[in-house]
Amino acid sequence: MVDYRFSTSLHIMLALAYRSRRNPEKLVSSSDLATSTKSNPTLIRQLLVPLNEAGLIKTYRGKSGGVALAKDARDVSLREIYEASFSSKLMLSRGMGYEGCPIGSNIHYVFDHVLGEMEGVLMKHLEGKNLLDLLESFIE
């Protein structure tokens, strides 16, 4: 199963960072974000909720409402966006297999250890990158 929450949330955050460089006072609508991501505005609004709860964006309701970054793009790590995008771990083990089998009775320990290491490397990598650096890597 492919999960697009992080990539779409990152797209949203990059669009907001780009817009804030050009016009810091202008809010971006969920419809504009949906057009940019080629997504449904309802999906965009669902993804905005955890970004707002994480303090990464500010949302304003009403006819002239919209969304803006809550802090400077250089102060937003990709890890923060990732963690706001997921409420659980990247992968989970299936749990314990057949107790009479040496593999089945231990696989969840092995898998949890491997996943813990993978997530540690991923989190360290994402922590070292911020939204502004990413935006400036392809936008001048």
N, C-alpha and C. Protein backbone atom coordinates (compact mmCIF):
# COMPACT_ATOMS: atom_id res chain seq x y z
N MET A 1 0.83 -1.18 0.00
CA MET A 1 0.00 0.00 0.00
C MET A 1 0.89 1.25 0.00
N VAL A 2 0.65 2.14 -0.91
CA VAL A 2 1.41 3.37 -1.01
C VAL A 2 0.69 4.45 -0.21
N ASP A 3 1.44 5.18 0.58
CA ASP A 3 0.87 6.23 1.42
C ASP A 3 1.45 7.57 0.96
N TYR A 4 0.57 8.49 0.60
CA TYR A 4 0.98 9.78 0.08
C TYR A 4 0.89 10.92 1.09
N ARG A 5 0.63 10.61 2.36
CA ARG A 5 0.45 11.69 3.34
C ARG A 5 1.69 12.56 3.48
N PHE A 6 2.86 11.94 3.64
CA PHE A 6 4.07 12.75 3.83
C PHE A 6 4.40 13.54 2.57
N SER A 7 4.38 12.90 1.42
CA SER A 7 4.75 13.61 0.20
C SER A 7 3.77 14.75 -0.11
N THR A 8 2.49 14.53 0.14
CA THR A 8 1.50 15.59 -0.10
C THR A 8 1.63 16.68 0.95
N SER A 9 1.86 16.33 2.19
CA SER A 9 2.07 17.33 3.24
C SER A 9 3.33 18.15 2.96
N LEU A 10 4.37 17.50 2.49
CA LEU A 10 5.59 18.21 2.13
C LEU A 10 5.33 19.16 0.96
N HIS A 11 4.56 18.71 -0.02
CA HIS A 11 4.18 19.56 -1.15
C HIS A 11 3.42 20.80 -0.64
N ILE A 12 2.48 20.59 0.25
CA ILE A 12 1.71 21.69 0.83
C ILE A 12 2.65 22.69 1.51
N MET A 13 3.54 22.18 2.33
CA MET A 13 4.45 23.05 3.08
C MET A 13 5.39 23.81 2.16
N LEU A 14 5.86 23.16 1.10
CA LEU A 14 6.72 23.85 0.13
C LEU A 14 5.94 24.93 -0.61
N ALA A 15 4.69 24.66 -0.95
CA ALA A 15 3.85 25.67 -1.61
C ALA A 15 3.63 26.87 -0.70
N LEU A 16 3.41 26.61 0.58
CA LEU A 16 3.23 27.71 1.53
C LEU A 16 4.53 28.50 1.71
N ALA A 17 5.65 27.81 1.76
CA ALA A 17 6.94 28.49 1.89
C ALA A 17 7.23 29.34 0.66
N TYR A 18 6.94 28.81 -0.49
CA TYR A 18 7.14 29.55 -1.74
C TYR A 18 6.26 30.80 -1.76
N ARG A 19 5.00 30.63 -1.41
CA ARG A 19 4.07 31.76 -1.40
C ARG A 19 4.49 32.82 -0.39
N SER A 20 4.98 32.38 0.77
CA SER A 20 5.35 33.35 1.81
C SER A 20 6.58 34.16 1.41
N ARG A 21 7.43 33.60 0.55
CA ARG A 21 8.59 34.37 0.05
C ARG A 21 8.13 35.50 -0.87
N ARG A 22 7.10 35.23 -1.65
CA ARG A 22 6.62 36.22 -2.61
C ARG A 22 5.67 37.23 -1.99
N ASN A 23 4.82 36.76 -1.10
CA ASN A 23 3.82 37.64 -0.48
C ASN A 23 3.48 37.09 0.90
N PRO A 24 4.24 37.51 1.93
CA PRO A 24 4.07 36.93 3.26
C PRO A 24 2.69 37.11 3.88
N GLU A 25 1.96 38.10 3.44
CA GLU A 25 0.65 38.38 4.03
C GLU A 25 -0.48 37.58 3.39
N LYS A 26 -0.24 37.02 2.20
CA LYS A 26 -1.30 36.34 1.45
C LYS A 26 -1.51 34.93 1.97
N LEU A 27 -2.76 34.61 2.23
CA LEU A 27 -3.13 33.26 2.64
C LEU A 27 -3.37 32.41 1.40
N VAL A 28 -3.16 31.11 1.55
CA VAL A 28 -3.37 30.16 0.46
C VAL A 28 -4.61 29.34 0.79
N SER A 29 -5.49 29.20 -0.18
CA SER A 29 -6.73 28.43 0.04
C SER A 29 -6.46 26.94 -0.16
N SER A 30 -7.32 26.13 0.44
CA SER A 30 -7.21 24.68 0.24
C SER A 30 -7.46 24.32 -1.22
N SER A 31 -8.26 25.11 -1.91
CA SER A 31 -8.49 24.87 -3.34
C SER A 31 -7.22 25.10 -4.15
N ASP A 32 -6.48 26.17 -3.81
CA ASP A 32 -5.21 26.42 -4.50
C ASP A 32 -4.21 25.30 -4.23
N LEU A 33 -4.18 24.83 -2.98
CA LEU A 33 -3.28 23.73 -2.64
C LEU A 33 -3.69 22.44 -3.35
N ALA A 34 -5.00 22.23 -3.48
CA ALA A 34 -5.49 21.05 -4.18
C ALA A 34 -5.10 21.10 -5.65
N THR A 35 -5.17 22.28 -6.25
CA THR A 35 -4.76 22.42 -7.65
C THR A 35 -3.27 22.13 -7.79
N SER A 36 -2.46 22.66 -6.90
CA SER A 36 -1.02 22.46 -6.96
C SER A 36 -0.65 20.99 -6.81
N THR A 37 -1.33 20.29 -5.93
CA THR A 37 -1.02 18.88 -5.66
C THR A 37 -1.80 17.91 -6.55
N LYS A 38 -2.72 18.44 -7.34
CA LYS A 38 -3.63 17.60 -8.14
C LYS A 38 -4.38 16.63 -7.23
N SER A 39 -4.90 17.19 -6.14
CA SER A 39 -5.64 16.41 -5.15
C SER A 39 -7.00 17.02 -4.93
N ASN A 40 -7.82 16.31 -4.21
CA ASN A 40 -9.14 16.78 -3.83
C ASN A 40 -9.00 17.77 -2.67
N PRO A 41 -9.72 18.90 -2.69
CA PRO A 41 -9.63 19.85 -1.57
C PRO A 41 -9.98 19.24 -0.21
N THR A 42 -10.85 18.24 -0.20
CA THR A 42 -11.19 17.57 1.06
C THR A 42 -9.97 16.85 1.63
N LEU A 43 -9.21 16.18 0.78
CA LEU A 43 -7.98 15.52 1.23
C LEU A 43 -7.00 16.56 1.77
N ILE A 44 -6.86 17.67 1.08
CA ILE A 44 -5.96 18.72 1.53
C ILE A 44 -6.37 19.22 2.91
N ARG A 45 -7.66 19.46 3.10
CA ARG A 45 -8.13 19.93 4.41
C ARG A 45 -7.85 18.89 5.50
N GLN A 46 -7.96 17.61 5.16
CA GLN A 46 -7.66 16.56 6.14
C GLN A 46 -6.18 16.58 6.52
N LEU A 47 -5.31 16.83 5.55
CA LEU A 47 -3.87 16.86 5.81
C LEU A 47 -3.46 18.14 6.55
N LEU A 48 -4.24 19.20 6.41
CA LEU A 48 -3.93 20.44 7.10
C LEU A 48 -4.14 20.34 8.61
N VAL A 49 -5.06 19.49 9.03
CA VAL A 49 -5.38 19.37 10.46
C VAL A 49 -4.14 18.99 11.29
N PRO A 50 -3.44 17.89 10.98
CA PRO A 50 -2.28 17.56 11.80
C PRO A 50 -1.13 18.57 11.66
N LEU A 51 -1.00 19.20 10.49
CA LEU A 51 0.03 20.23 10.33
C LEU A 51 -0.27 21.42 11.24
N ASN A 52 -1.55 21.75 11.35
CA ASN A 52 -1.98 22.83 12.23
C ASN A 52 -1.76 22.44 13.70
N GLU A 53 -2.14 21.22 14.05
CA GLU A 53 -1.99 20.75 15.43
C GLU A 53 -0.51 20.69 15.85
N ALA A 54 0.37 20.45 14.88
CA ALA A 54 1.81 20.40 15.16
C ALA A 54 2.42 21.80 15.22
N GLY A 55 1.63 22.83 14.95
CA GLY A 55 2.12 24.20 15.00
C GLY A 55 2.94 24.61 13.79
N LEU A 56 2.81 23.86 12.70
CA LEU A 56 3.58 24.16 11.49
C LEU A 56 2.87 25.17 10.59
N ILE A 57 1.55 25.21 10.67
CA ILE A 57 0.76 26.14 9.87
C ILE A 57 -0.26 26.83 10.75
N LYS A 58 -0.81 27.91 10.22
CA LYS A 58 -1.94 28.59 10.85
C LYS A 58 -3.07 28.56 9.84
N THR A 59 -4.25 28.26 10.31
CA THR A 59 -5.41 28.26 9.42
C THR A 59 -6.37 29.36 9.86
N TYR A 60 -6.97 29.99 8.86
CA TYR A 60 -7.92 31.07 9.10
C TYR A 60 -9.19 30.74 8.35
N ARG A 61 -10.31 30.77 9.04
CA ARG A 61 -11.60 30.43 8.44
C ARG A 61 -12.26 31.66 7.84
N GLY A 62 -13.28 31.38 7.05
CA GLY A 62 -14.07 32.46 6.49
C GLY A 62 -13.79 32.69 5.02
N LYS A 63 -14.53 33.63 4.46
CA LYS A 63 -14.44 33.90 3.03
C LYS A 63 -13.03 34.30 2.60
N SER A 64 -12.36 35.07 3.42
CA SER A 64 -10.99 35.49 3.06
C SER A 64 -9.95 34.67 3.82
N GLY A 65 -10.36 33.51 4.31
CA GLY A 65 -9.46 32.65 5.07
C GLY A 65 -8.49 31.89 4.19
N GLY A 66 -7.71 31.07 4.83
CA GLY A 66 -6.72 30.27 4.12
C GLY A 66 -5.69 29.75 5.09
N VAL A 67 -4.52 29.45 4.56
CA VAL A 67 -3.46 28.81 5.32
C VAL A 67 -2.16 29.57 5.11
N ALA A 68 -1.33 29.60 6.14
CA ALA A 68 0.00 30.20 6.05
C ALA A 68 0.94 29.41 6.96
N LEU A 69 2.23 29.52 6.72
CA LEU A 69 3.21 28.92 7.61
C LEU A 69 3.12 29.58 8.98
N ALA A 70 3.30 28.80 10.02
CA ALA A 70 3.25 29.34 11.37
C ALA A 70 4.61 29.86 11.81
N LYS A 71 5.66 29.43 11.13
CA LYS A 71 7.01 29.90 11.45
C LYS A 71 7.84 29.94 10.18
N ASP A 72 8.99 30.53 10.30
CA ASP A 72 9.88 30.67 9.15
C ASP A 72 10.25 29.29 8.60
N ALA A 73 10.33 29.19 7.28
CA ALA A 73 10.62 27.92 6.62
C ALA A 73 11.95 27.32 7.07
N ARG A 74 12.92 28.14 7.45
CA ARG A 74 14.21 27.61 7.90
C ARG A 74 14.09 26.95 9.27
N ASP A 75 13.01 27.23 9.97
CA ASP A 75 12.78 26.66 11.30
C ASP A 75 11.88 25.44 11.29
N VAL A 76 11.54 24.95 10.11
CA VAL A 76 10.68 23.77 9.97
C VAL A 76 11.53 22.63 9.42
N SER A 77 11.77 21.61 10.24
CA SER A 77 12.53 20.45 9.74
C SER A 77 11.58 19.51 9.00
N LEU A 78 12.16 18.75 8.09
CA LEU A 78 11.36 17.76 7.38
C LEU A 78 10.87 16.68 8.35
N ARG A 79 11.59 16.48 9.42
CA ARG A 79 11.14 15.52 10.44
C ARG A 79 9.82 15.97 11.05
N GLU A 80 9.68 17.27 11.32
CA GLU A 80 8.43 17.77 11.90
C GLU A 80 7.26 17.51 10.96
N ILE A 81 7.48 17.70 9.69
CA ILE A 81 6.42 17.46 8.70
C ILE A 81 6.09 15.97 8.64
N TYR A 82 7.13 15.15 8.64
CA TYR A 82 6.95 13.70 8.62
C TYR A 82 6.14 13.25 9.84
N GLU A 83 6.56 13.70 11.01
CA GLU A 83 5.88 13.27 12.24
C GLU A 83 4.44 13.77 12.30
N ALA A 84 4.17 14.94 11.74
CA ALA A 84 2.79 15.43 11.70
C ALA A 84 1.95 14.62 10.71
N SER A 85 2.61 14.04 9.71
CA SER A 85 1.90 13.31 8.66
C SER A 85 1.45 11.92 9.10
N PHE A 86 2.14 11.35 10.07
CA PHE A 86 1.86 9.98 10.49
C PHE A 86 1.56 9.92 11.97
N SER A 87 0.54 9.18 12.32
CA SER A 87 0.21 9.00 13.73
C SER A 87 0.79 7.69 14.26
N SER A 88 1.44 6.93 13.39
CA SER A 88 2.03 5.66 13.83
C SER A 88 3.38 5.49 13.14
N LYS A 89 4.01 4.37 13.42
CA LYS A 89 5.31 4.08 12.82
C LYS A 89 5.17 3.81 11.33
N LEU A 90 6.31 3.92 10.64
CA LEU A 90 6.36 3.67 9.21
C LEU A 90 5.89 2.25 8.88
N MET A 91 6.41 1.27 9.60
CA MET A 91 6.02 -0.12 9.39
C MET A 91 5.87 -0.79 10.75
N LEU A 92 5.02 -1.77 10.78
CA LEU A 92 4.82 -2.55 11.99
C LEU A 92 5.06 -4.02 11.70
N SER A 93 5.53 -4.75 12.71
CA SER A 93 5.69 -6.18 12.52
C SER A 93 4.32 -6.84 12.59
N ARG A 94 4.22 -8.03 12.06
CA ARG A 94 2.96 -8.76 12.09
C ARG A 94 2.68 -9.31 13.47
N GLY A 95 3.63 -9.24 14.33
CA GLY A 95 3.46 -9.83 15.66
C GLY A 95 4.13 -11.19 15.71
N MET A 96 3.82 -11.93 16.73
CA MET A 96 4.46 -13.21 16.93
C MET A 96 3.86 -14.27 16.03
N GLY A 97 4.72 -15.10 15.49
CA GLY A 97 4.28 -16.23 14.69
C GLY A 97 4.05 -17.44 15.57
N TYR A 98 4.13 -18.60 14.98
CA TYR A 98 3.91 -19.86 15.69
C TYR A 98 4.95 -20.02 16.81
N GLU A 99 4.48 -20.20 18.03
CA GLU A 99 5.36 -20.26 19.21
C GLU A 99 6.29 -21.46 19.20
N GLY A 100 5.92 -22.52 18.50
CA GLY A 100 6.76 -23.71 18.44
C GLY A 100 7.89 -23.60 17.44
N CYS A 101 7.95 -22.52 16.71
CA CYS A 101 8.98 -22.33 15.69
C CYS A 101 9.99 -21.29 16.19
N PRO A 102 11.28 -21.58 16.10
CA PRO A 102 12.26 -20.61 16.60
C PRO A 102 12.23 -19.28 15.83
N ILE A 103 11.85 -19.32 14.59
CA ILE A 103 11.73 -18.08 13.81
C ILE A 103 10.42 -17.38 14.18
N GLY A 104 9.33 -18.10 14.11
CA GLY A 104 8.01 -17.52 14.40
C GLY A 104 7.90 -16.93 15.79
N SER A 105 8.56 -17.54 16.75
CA SER A 105 8.45 -17.04 18.12
C SER A 105 9.36 -15.84 18.40
N ASN A 106 10.26 -15.54 17.48
CA ASN A 106 11.20 -14.42 17.70
C ASN A 106 11.17 -13.35 16.62
N ILE A 107 10.43 -13.57 15.55
CA ILE A 107 10.50 -12.66 14.41
C ILE A 107 10.10 -11.23 14.77
N HIS A 108 9.13 -11.07 15.66
CA HIS A 108 8.71 -9.71 16.00
C HIS A 108 9.83 -8.93 16.69
N TYR A 109 10.65 -9.59 17.51
CA TYR A 109 11.78 -8.91 18.14
C TYR A 109 12.80 -8.46 17.10
N VAL A 110 13.11 -9.36 16.18
CA VAL A 110 14.08 -9.05 15.13
C VAL A 110 13.55 -7.92 14.25
N PHE A 111 12.31 -8.04 13.82
CA PHE A 111 11.72 -7.04 12.93
C PHE A 111 11.64 -5.68 13.62
N ASP A 112 11.21 -5.67 14.88
CA ASP A 112 11.13 -4.39 15.62
C ASP A 112 12.50 -3.74 15.75
N HIS A 113 13.54 -4.53 15.95
CA HIS A 113 14.90 -3.99 16.05
C HIS A 113 15.34 -3.38 14.71
N VAL A 114 15.14 -4.11 13.63
CA VAL A 114 15.52 -3.61 12.31
C VAL A 114 14.73 -2.33 11.99
N LEU A 115 13.43 -2.34 12.24
CA LEU A 115 12.62 -1.14 11.97
C LEU A 115 13.04 0.03 12.83
N GLY A 116 13.38 -0.22 14.07
CA GLY A 116 13.85 0.85 14.95
C GLY A 116 15.10 1.51 14.40
N GLU A 117 16.02 0.70 13.91
CA GLU A 117 17.24 1.24 13.31
C GLU A 117 16.92 2.04 12.05
N MET A 118 16.04 1.51 11.20
CA MET A 118 15.66 2.20 9.96
C MET A 118 15.03 3.56 10.27
N GLU A 119 14.10 3.57 11.20
CA GLU A 119 13.43 4.82 11.54
C GLU A 119 14.40 5.81 12.17
N GLY A 120 15.36 5.33 12.95
CA GLY A 120 16.36 6.21 13.53
C GLY A 120 17.18 6.93 12.47
N VAL A 121 17.60 6.18 11.45
CA VAL A 121 18.37 6.77 10.35
C VAL A 121 17.50 7.77 9.58
N LEU A 122 16.28 7.40 9.31
CA LEU A 122 15.36 8.29 8.58
C LEU A 122 15.12 9.58 9.36
N MET A 123 14.82 9.48 10.66
CA MET A 123 14.54 10.66 11.47
C MET A 123 15.75 11.59 11.54
N LYS A 124 16.94 11.01 11.69
CA LYS A 124 18.16 11.83 11.73
C LYS A 124 18.35 12.56 10.40
N HIS A 125 18.12 11.88 9.31
CA HIS A 125 18.24 12.49 7.99
C HIS A 125 17.24 13.63 7.81
N LEU A 126 15.99 13.39 8.16
CA LEU A 126 14.95 14.42 8.01
C LEU A 126 15.16 15.59 8.96
N GLU A 127 15.71 15.33 10.13
CA GLU A 127 15.97 16.40 11.10
C GLU A 127 17.02 17.37 10.56
N GLY A 128 17.95 16.85 9.77
CA GLY A 128 19.03 17.68 9.23
C GLY A 128 18.64 18.52 8.03
N LYS A 129 17.42 18.43 7.60
CA LYS A 129 16.96 19.20 6.43
C LYS A 129 15.80 20.07 6.84
N ASN A 130 15.81 21.32 6.35
CA ASN A 130 14.69 22.19 6.66
C ASN A 130 13.94 22.57 5.39
N LEU A 131 12.78 23.11 5.57
CA LEU A 131 11.90 23.45 4.46
C LEU A 131 12.53 24.47 3.51
N LEU A 132 13.21 25.46 4.05
CA LEU A 132 13.83 26.48 3.21
C LEU A 132 14.95 25.89 2.35
N ASP A 133 15.80 25.05 2.94
CA ASP A 133 16.87 24.41 2.16
C ASP A 133 16.29 23.61 0.99
N LEU A 134 15.24 22.87 1.27
CA LEU A 134 14.61 22.07 0.23
C LEU A 134 14.02 22.96 -0.87
N LEU A 135 13.32 24.00 -0.47
CA LEU A 135 12.73 24.93 -1.44
C LEU A 135 13.83 25.56 -2.30
N GLU A 136 14.90 26.00 -1.68
CA GLU A 136 15.98 26.66 -2.43
C GLU A 136 16.77 25.71 -3.29
N SER A 137 16.61 24.40 -3.09
CA SER A 137 17.33 23.43 -3.94
C SER A 137 16.76 23.39 -5.35
N PHE A 138 15.54 23.89 -5.54
CA PHE A 138 14.98 23.88 -6.89
C PHE A 138 14.30 25.20 -7.28
N ILE A 139 14.17 26.15 -6.37
CA ILE A 139 13.58 27.45 -6.67
C ILE A 139 14.61 28.52 -6.30
N GLU A 140 14.85 29.44 -7.19
CA GLU A 140 15.79 30.52 -6.88
C GLU A 140 15.05 31.77 -6.52
